[in-house]
Structures are given as structure tokens and as C-alpha cells.
Protein backbone atom coordinates (compact mmCIF):
# COMPACT_ATOMS: atom_id res chain seq x y z
CA MET A 1 -5.92 -13.02 3.09
CA HIS A 2 -5.10 -15.13 -0.03
CA LEU A 3 -6.69 -14.45 -3.41
CA GLN A 4 -8.96 -17.41 -2.96
CA SER A 5 -10.51 -16.09 0.29
CA LEU A 6 -11.06 -12.55 -1.06
CA GLY A 7 -14.73 -11.78 -0.84
CA ASN A 8 -17.51 -13.80 0.55
CA THR A 9 -18.71 -15.05 -2.83
CA GLN A 10 -20.25 -18.48 -2.80
CA VAL A 11 -20.00 -20.73 -5.86
CA SER A 12 -23.23 -22.33 -6.89
CA ARG A 13 -23.64 -25.88 -8.27
CA GLU A 14 -24.54 -24.14 -11.64
CA ASP A 15 -21.28 -22.08 -11.49
CA LYS A 16 -19.18 -25.25 -10.98
CA GLN A 17 -20.86 -27.03 -13.84
CA ARG A 18 -20.56 -24.05 -16.18
CA TYR A 19 -16.89 -23.48 -15.26
CA SER A 20 -16.04 -27.20 -15.63
CA LYS A 21 -17.59 -27.26 -19.02
CA THR A 22 -16.25 -24.07 -20.44
CA MET A 23 -13.02 -23.55 -18.65
CA SER A 24 -11.25 -26.85 -18.19
CA PHE A 25 -7.51 -26.19 -18.94
CA HIS A 26 -6.00 -29.07 -17.05
CA ASP A 27 -3.59 -29.98 -19.87
CA LEU A 28 -2.93 -26.48 -21.20
CA PRO A 29 0.34 -24.59 -20.69
CA ALA A 30 0.66 -21.77 -18.13
CA THR A 31 0.72 -19.18 -20.87
CA THR A 32 -2.77 -20.24 -21.88
CA ASP A 33 -3.89 -19.94 -18.27
CA ASP A 34 -2.62 -16.38 -18.21
CA LEU A 35 -4.50 -15.43 -21.35
CA LEU A 36 -7.82 -16.78 -20.05
CA LEU A 37 -7.51 -15.77 -16.33
CA SER A 38 -6.23 -12.30 -17.14
CA GLY A 39 -9.71 -11.61 -18.66
CA LEU A 40 -11.55 -12.41 -15.37
CA GLU A 41 -12.51 -9.68 -12.91
CA THR A 42 -11.47 -10.18 -9.39
CA ARG A 43 -14.83 -11.48 -8.21
CA ASP A 44 -14.84 -14.12 -11.10
CA LEU A 45 -11.21 -15.08 -10.38
CA VAL A 46 -12.24 -15.88 -6.76
CA ARG A 47 -15.22 -17.89 -7.90
CA TYR A 48 -13.12 -19.91 -10.32
CA ALA A 49 -10.46 -20.57 -7.68
CA ARG A 50 -13.13 -22.20 -5.46
CA VAL A 51 -14.48 -24.56 -8.10
CA SER A 52 -11.93 -27.46 -7.39
CA PRO A 53 -8.41 -28.21 -6.25
CA THR A 54 -7.26 -28.06 -9.87
CA THR A 55 -8.72 -24.62 -10.47
CA TYR A 56 -7.37 -23.38 -7.15
CA SER A 57 -3.92 -24.62 -8.17
CA LYS A 58 -4.28 -22.87 -11.53
CA VAL A 59 -5.29 -19.58 -10.05
CA GLN A 60 -2.50 -19.63 -7.55
CA SER A 61 0.16 -20.35 -10.17
CA TYR A 62 -1.31 -17.54 -12.27
CA TYR A 63 -1.35 -15.34 -9.18
CA LEU A 64 2.44 -15.61 -8.73
CA ARG A 65 3.06 -14.66 -12.35
CA ALA A 66 0.38 -11.89 -12.56
CA PHE A 67 1.39 -9.74 -9.79
CA SER A 68 5.07 -8.97 -10.80
CA ILE A 69 6.47 -5.90 -9.20
CA GLU A 70 9.34 -5.85 -11.71
CA LYS A 71 6.98 -5.65 -14.55
CA HIS A 72 4.79 -3.17 -12.73
CA LEU A 73 7.71 -0.68 -12.27
CA SER A 74 9.23 -1.32 -15.68
CA PRO A 75 7.94 1.97 -17.18
CA TYR A 76 9.93 3.94 -14.57
CA PHE A 77 13.06 1.88 -14.07
CA THR A 78 15.29 -0.78 -15.84
CA SER A 79 15.34 -4.16 -14.24
CA GLN A 80 18.60 -3.41 -12.32
CA GLU A 81 17.15 -0.09 -11.18
CA VAL A 82 13.93 -1.83 -9.90
CA HIS A 83 16.01 -4.01 -7.66
CA ARG A 84 17.93 -0.90 -6.34
CA PHE A 85 14.61 0.94 -5.84
CA ARG A 86 13.27 -1.94 -3.73
CA MET A 87 16.40 -2.03 -1.74
CA LEU A 88 15.75 1.70 -0.96
CA GLN A 89 12.16 0.79 -0.02
CA GLY A 90 13.52 -1.67 2.51
CA SER A 91 16.01 0.63 3.96
CA THR A 92 13.83 3.72 4.17
CA GLY A 93 10.20 2.42 4.59
CA MET A 94 9.17 4.06 1.37
CA LEU A 95 5.57 3.11 0.26
CA ILE A 96 4.03 3.03 -3.16
CA THR A 97 0.46 4.20 -2.97
CA GLY A 98 -2.36 5.90 -4.80
CA LEU A 99 -3.36 4.78 -8.27
CA SER A 100 0.10 3.18 -8.65
CA ALA A 101 -0.85 0.63 -5.98
CA ILE A 102 -4.43 0.15 -7.03
CA ARG A 103 -3.45 -0.76 -10.60
CA PHE A 104 -1.07 -3.45 -9.20
CA PHE A 105 -4.06 -5.19 -7.56
CA GLN A 106 -6.17 -4.82 -10.61
CA ARG A 107 -3.40 -6.42 -12.75
CA GLN A 108 -3.61 -3.48 -15.05
CA GLY A 109 0.13 -2.39 -14.89
CA LEU A 110 1.38 1.11 -15.18
CA SER A 111 1.95 3.31 -18.18
CA PRO A 112 4.31 6.30 -18.50
CA ASP A 113 1.38 8.76 -18.17
CA ILE A 114 0.58 7.56 -14.69
CA GLU A 115 2.60 9.18 -11.94
CA LEU A 116 4.46 6.90 -9.52
CA GLU A 117 3.13 8.06 -6.02
CA LEU A 118 5.41 7.43 -2.97
CA TYR A 119 5.38 8.34 0.73
CA VAL A 120 8.38 8.27 2.94
CA GLU A 121 9.69 9.59 6.26
CA HIS A 122 11.08 12.97 5.54
CA HIS A 123 14.62 12.44 6.87
CA PHE A 124 15.14 9.68 4.11
CA THR A 125 14.17 12.00 1.38
CA LEU A 126 17.47 13.42 0.45
CA ASP A 127 19.25 10.11 -0.28
CA ILE A 128 16.27 8.73 -2.27
CA GLY A 129 16.04 11.91 -4.38
CA ARG A 130 19.74 11.85 -5.12
CA TRP A 131 19.37 8.20 -6.40
CA PHE A 132 16.48 9.20 -8.65
CA ILE A 133 18.75 11.92 -10.12
CA SER A 134 21.51 9.45 -10.63
CA VAL A 135 19.35 7.16 -12.78
CA GLY A 136 18.10 9.82 -15.26
CA TYR A 137 15.47 11.81 -13.39
CA GLU A 138 15.43 15.59 -12.91
CA TYR A 139 13.93 17.39 -10.00
CA VAL A 140 11.06 19.63 -11.10
CA SER A 141 10.68 22.72 -8.95
CA LEU A 142 7.03 23.68 -8.23
CA ARG A 143 8.07 27.23 -7.36
CA LEU A 144 7.87 30.27 -9.72
CA LEU A 145 11.69 30.67 -9.14
CA PRO A 146 13.23 27.31 -9.61
CA ILE A 147 15.54 25.73 -6.85
CA ASP A 148 17.56 22.64 -6.85
CA PHE A 149 16.47 19.49 -5.01
CA LYS A 150 18.77 19.83 -1.92
CA ARG A 151 17.67 23.38 -1.26
CA ALA A 152 13.97 22.35 -1.77
CA TYR A 153 14.51 19.57 0.80
CA PHE A 154 15.93 21.84 3.45
CA GLU A 155 13.15 24.46 3.03
CA ALA A 156 10.62 21.71 3.40
CA SER A 157 12.19 20.69 6.59
CA THR A 158 11.34 23.99 8.10
CA TYR A 159 7.58 23.90 7.50
CA ILE A 160 6.67 20.15 7.49
CA ARG A 161 3.86 19.26 9.97
CA PRO A 162 2.62 16.01 11.46
CA SER A 163 -0.02 14.30 9.29
CA ASN A 164 -2.67 14.59 12.06
CA ALA A 165 -2.04 18.08 13.07
CA PHE A 166 -4.79 20.71 12.61
CA PRO A 167 -5.28 22.57 10.38
CA ARG A 168 -4.26 19.88 8.01
CA ARG A 169 -1.89 20.76 5.25
CA ALA A 170 -0.53 19.11 2.18
CA HIS A 171 2.65 17.02 2.67
CA PRO A 172 5.83 18.35 1.02
CA ARG A 173 5.96 17.00 -2.56
CA PHE A 174 9.09 16.41 -4.68
CA VAL A 175 8.46 15.83 -8.36
CA PHE A 176 10.93 14.09 -10.57
CA ARG A 177 10.63 13.63 -14.36
CA HIS A 178 12.90 11.40 -16.39
CA ARG A 179 14.92 13.06 -19.09
CA HIS A 180 14.19 10.49 -21.80
CA ARG A 181 11.16 8.37 -20.73
CA ASP A 182 8.98 11.25 -19.70
CA THR A 183 7.78 9.34 -16.66
CA VAL A 184 7.08 11.18 -13.41
CA ILE A 185 7.62 10.19 -9.72
CA ILE A 186 5.95 12.23 -6.95
CA MET A 187 7.58 11.60 -3.52
CA ALA A 188 5.59 13.04 -0.62
CA THR A 189 7.22 13.14 2.69
CA VAL A 190 6.00 12.99 6.32
CA LEU A 191 7.31 14.05 9.70
CA GLY A 192 6.03 10.77 11.43
CA SER A 193 5.24 7.46 9.89
CA ALA A 194 4.87 6.93 6.16
CA MET A 195 1.74 5.05 7.06
CA GLU A 196 0.04 8.13 8.38
CA PRO A 197 -1.00 9.76 5.09
CA ILE A 198 -2.42 6.35 3.89
CA LEU A 199 -4.61 6.10 6.98
CA ASN A 200 -5.61 9.79 6.62
CA TYR A 201 -6.81 9.48 3.01
CA PRO A 202 -10.35 10.85 2.44
CA ALA A 203 -11.53 7.63 0.82
CA THR A 204 -10.91 3.99 1.76
CA CYS A 205 -10.43 2.82 -1.88
CA VAL A 206 -7.00 4.54 -1.83
CA MET A 207 -5.76 2.75 1.30
CA ASN A 208 -3.45 0.36 -0.43
CA ILE A 209 0.28 0.09 -0.37
CA ILE A 210 3.30 -1.61 -1.87
CA THR A 211 6.39 -2.18 0.32
CA PHE A 212 9.67 -3.80 -0.72
CA ASP A 213 8.30 -7.22 0.07
CA ALA A 214 4.42 -7.17 -0.08
CA ALA A 215 1.44 -5.35 -1.56
CA VAL A 216 -1.34 -4.87 1.01
CA ALA A 217 -4.97 -3.72 0.38
CA PHE A 218 -6.66 -2.60 3.63
CA PHE A 219 -10.23 -2.86 2.42
CA PRO A 220 -10.13 -5.45 -0.45
CA ASN A 221 -13.70 -6.59 -0.67
CA ALA A 222 -15.12 -3.12 -0.73
CA THR A 223 -12.30 -1.78 -3.13
CA PHE A 224 -11.90 -4.56 -5.61
CA VAL A 225 -14.96 -6.74 -5.34
CA HIS A 226 -17.84 -4.36 -4.72
CA ASN A 227 -16.16 -1.05 -5.99
CA ILE A 228 -17.37 0.70 -2.83
CA SER A 229 -15.35 3.43 -1.00
CA LEU A 230 -16.27 5.01 2.26
CA ILE A 231 -15.79 8.70 2.60
CA MET A 232 -13.72 9.56 5.66
CA ASP A 233 -14.17 12.44 8.16
CA TYR A 234 -10.91 14.03 7.02
CA GLY A 235 -11.18 17.71 6.49
CA GLY A 236 -7.86 18.20 4.83
CA PRO A 237 -6.70 19.85 1.64
CA ASN A 238 -7.76 18.35 -1.71
CA GLN A 239 -10.34 16.10 -0.06
CA GLN A 240 -13.10 16.69 -2.68
CA HIS A 241 -10.55 16.39 -5.49
CA THR A 242 -9.55 12.98 -4.31
CA ILE A 243 -13.10 11.81 -3.97
CA ASP A 244 -14.10 13.05 -7.33
CA ARG A 245 -11.07 11.42 -8.95
CA TYR A 246 -11.78 8.03 -7.64
CA LYS A 247 -15.49 8.34 -8.22
CA SER A 248 -14.68 9.03 -11.94
CA LEU A 249 -12.62 5.88 -11.98
CA GLY A 250 -15.63 3.76 -10.97
CA TRP A 251 -15.90 3.62 -7.19
CA THR A 252 -19.25 4.33 -5.48
CA MET A 253 -18.71 6.86 -2.74
CA THR A 254 -20.83 6.33 0.32
CA ARG A 255 -20.99 7.05 4.00
CA THR A 256 -21.95 3.56 5.22
CA SER A 257 -21.47 -0.08 4.39
CA ASN A 258 -22.10 -3.37 6.16
CA ILE A 259 -19.00 -5.11 4.49
CA GLN A 260 -17.26 -7.07 7.23
CA GLU A 261 -13.93 -5.28 6.96
CA PHE A 262 -15.47 -2.05 7.97
CA LEU A 263 -17.03 -3.72 11.11
CA VAL A 264 -13.75 -4.81 12.68
CA PRO A 265 -12.53 -2.10 15.14
CA PHE A 266 -8.86 -3.27 15.57
CA ARG A 267 -6.73 -3.65 12.53
CA TRP A 268 -3.12 -4.06 11.54
CA VAL A 269 -1.17 -4.23 8.23
CA GLY A 270 -1.34 -7.80 6.95
CA ASP A 271 -4.22 -9.09 9.23
CA ASN A 272 -6.72 -11.59 7.89
CA VAL A 273 -8.96 -8.81 6.60
CA CYS A 274 -6.29 -7.46 4.31
CA TRP A 275 -5.46 -8.79 0.96
CA THR A 276 -1.66 -9.36 1.14
CA ILE A 277 0.36 -10.26 -1.85
CA PRO A 278 4.00 -11.45 -1.07
CA LEU A 279 6.64 -10.16 -3.40
CA SER A 280 9.86 -11.82 -4.28
CA LYS A 281 12.61 -10.46 -1.95
CA THR A 282 15.80 -12.29 -2.82
CA GLY A 283 18.66 -10.22 -1.51
CA LEU A 284 16.32 -7.74 0.03
CA SER A 285 15.44 -6.86 3.67
CA GLY A 286 14.27 -3.96 5.80
CA TYR A 287 11.05 -2.25 6.80
CA ASP A 288 8.39 -4.61 8.16
CA VAL A 289 5.09 -3.04 7.64
CA LYS A 290 3.36 -5.44 9.98
CA GLY A 291 4.53 -3.08 12.88
CA ASN A 292 1.62 -0.80 12.08
CA SER A 293 -1.96 -0.96 13.54
CA TRP A 294 -4.98 1.28 13.83
CA LEU A 295 -8.46 1.52 15.34
CA GLN A 296 -11.42 2.26 13.03
CA VAL A 297 -14.84 3.51 13.42
CA PHE A 298 -17.35 3.43 10.55
CA SER A 299 -20.90 4.55 11.29
CA LEU A 300 -23.61 6.83 10.01
CA TYR A 301 -22.24 9.71 12.18
CA ARG A 302 -18.38 9.09 11.97
CA ASN A 303 -15.96 7.56 9.74
CA SER A 304 -12.52 7.77 11.24
CA ILE A 305 -9.13 5.98 11.82
CA MET A 306 -7.23 6.51 14.98
CA TYR A 307 -3.64 5.65 16.08
CA SER A 308 -0.71 6.88 18.03
CA LEU A 309 2.88 7.06 16.96
CA VAL A 310 5.70 4.90 18.30
CA VAL A 311 8.72 7.18 18.12
CA SER A 312 12.16 6.29 19.43
CA TYR A 313 15.81 6.86 18.68
CA ARG A 314 16.18 3.10 19.10
CA LEU A 315 13.84 2.53 16.13
CA ARG A 316 14.94 3.17 12.53
CA PHE A 317 11.32 3.77 11.50
CA THR A 318 8.23 5.35 13.06
CA TYR A 319 5.18 3.14 13.49
CA THR A 320 1.47 3.68 14.14
CA GLN A 321 -0.19 1.69 16.94
CA ALA A 322 -3.81 1.43 17.77
CA ARG A 323 -3.99 1.04 21.60
CA LEU A 324 -2.32 2.10 24.80
CA THR A 325 -1.70 -1.54 25.63
CA LEU A 326 0.49 -1.86 22.44
CA LEU A 327 2.30 1.35 23.19
CA ASP A 328 3.14 0.05 26.74
CA VAL A 329 4.50 -3.22 25.08
CA ALA A 330 6.46 -1.08 22.67
CA ASN A 331 7.99 1.03 25.34
CA LYS A 332 9.06 -2.04 27.41
CA VAL A 333 10.92 -3.32 24.27
CA LEU A 334 12.58 0.09 23.70
CA GLU A 335 13.62 0.42 27.43
CA ASN A 336 16.16 -2.49 26.93
CA GLN A 337 19.51 -0.70 26.81
CA ASP A 338 21.62 -3.81 25.97
CA SER A 339 22.89 -2.32 22.77
CA PHE A 340 22.57 0.80 20.62
CA SER A 341 21.51 -1.22 17.51
CA ASP A 342 18.09 -0.61 15.90
CA LYS A 343 15.37 -2.45 17.87
CA ASP A 344 12.87 -2.71 14.91
CA VAL A 345 13.17 -6.42 14.57
CA GLU A 346 12.55 -7.11 18.22
CA PHE A 347 9.72 -4.44 18.32
CA ILE A 348 7.99 -6.18 15.43
CA GLN A 349 8.24 -9.60 16.79
CA THR A 350 6.99 -8.60 20.24
CA ILE A 351 4.08 -6.39 18.95
CA VAL A 352 2.82 -9.01 16.46
CA LYS A 353 2.45 -11.59 19.30
CA TYR A 354 0.15 -9.17 21.04
CA TYR A 355 -2.01 -8.50 18.03
CA GLY A 356 -3.77 -11.80 18.64
CA ARG A 357 -4.78 -10.65 22.15
CA MET A 358 -6.51 -7.52 21.00
């Protein structure tokens, strides 16, 4: 979904006349566009993009400049460190989520007082944490008797549980604070797929991610146009805390909604219901988030997201898939014993072809 198609907002003749009279910047430099367009809410930005081919072009140009991941991460890393961090995202499947991701879509940027929230498969944690320490971060032990990061990692390895196991427990969290910037990174780890905790959030407004090459909002109209969030049947730790937190930030928490993105049962990351923002990826490669799908049910009686895991030694990453048909397709790809190299690329290419048949 491109920015201009976000929402079902129609532009009236009066809107077109008003915008053409008050917001005609055809001959103004891009910096002026940025100043004016940055003041528009998402809904108004969508309306303006639909006025004419010229305004559409203006918004698309602004869109490329406004959503800068380098600028977004600048409170936490230098420009060289941002590139290395994104390389780690590609090689480990690490996801940025929570308020860190929401503010990217809102074009608000991050400040040092906002924690950078990350999820990653647990077995990648040690190398990522070591890199954080190498660029000036210190591991902050949450225990009464402090322990170092490596020991904390191995201790977490003994009690970590699947995200959908009952009773639900909080994921292991590793906190890092920079010695000079006073910025904080919270890296939570999962036994299965890094997508699982996002799909298990207690509120839909938090279901947004940033990968090494894209930012994806799963329910963009509800979250960023209508400020609505559905409450999920989750039952895990800190559910009410999460709901209260995002309610205080302006979202209306409800059980039901007739917004179209809640009515589509089969979903995958990057489908035409998502709001997907491509990021520059020169010199970067790795985890393709499109390999994840899910089934969703939103009704008066039940709000839930369902999936199964695709786990194989022939895959570098673990993926979520919605239906048994897709699991069968995945298994056929993984049965090929031609080589011992990772089969992620072949898996993604095959599975995405089948999405259109679901």
C-alpha cells in the first residue's frame, strides 16, 4: 500500500478547489514542500496527494525524504553505526517495533528518552549484544545481583518459552544504556519467529515493524488515520499496561470495528492492506519479512491472530504461516536436498506465489 492509497478518504470538489488555491507550490523548492507537508496529518496528506498529478508527485517526493531510517536512528547510533545496525537486522531478522516504529510512521522521529524496542530470535542475541557493547553501550542487569551480558544470555536460554505457550510469560529482555548519550535499547528475544510477539500484542495499534529494508504497518487505516486500536484476546503479562499506555497516547481502544483491514481473514506482511515504506538498502541484504503470514478473526466474541511456525535447519530464520496449504508448500521446498545452503530465498519466492491463491 502506497501513501496515496492509505485510507478510503475521498477528496471533494471543494477540497480540490481549496487546496489548489491555498497550497499550490509548483515552483517552490523541495525544502518548502517539506516545511508545509510536514504539518499535515496522515489523513490530510492522503487527501492532498489525490488532488492532482502534481500534488501526488510532490507528496511522493516528500515521502522519500520524510521517512529516513538514518535520521530516525540517529539518537542511538552514528551514521556508520546505523549502517552496521541495519546489516545486523538483515543477517539476524531483528525487528524494530513498539513506539519506536509508530513514531517512524508518524514522522515524529525519536528522542533519547524513548527506548529503542527490538525483537529477535534468541540464538542471534549474543552477537547483537556484543556489537551494542562495542559501540559504547553497557548491559544493564535487571537482577538484584548484577551479572554480565553473556551470563544473562545463557541463563535466559534455560527458561525461554514459545510466544504462544500457556501460561504466557514475558520474553527475556536485555537492556543496554549508552555510556555517553544516555540512550536505552531494549532487546527482547523469542524462541520461534521474531514476528510472533508482534502478532501476539494485546492491541493492534502496536503491530508495526521496521526491518532492514522496509517499514510495515499491519493495520494502517485504523492506527494512523482513525486512531482506533482493537483489543486482542491475549491474556499475557502486562496486557492492561500496554492498553493503558497506548490509550494515553491517543488511541481509542475498542473490541469491534468495520474498517476493511480487520475484515480480511488471510494476511501476510506487505500485502495490499499493509502500509509498506521501502527503505534504502544499498549494500544490504538478508531477512525477507514477506515470508510471514497469519489468519485473523475480529468479531464481537473473539479477536485473535493464528499462525503456525515454519521451522527447519535448512532455513536461517523461523517464519509464521497462516494455513496448512502453505505449510505443505514450505515442506516441499525444504525437502529438496540438493545442497546444505540456506533455503530462505527459495522458500520466500515459492510461498509468495501461493499468497495470491489464498
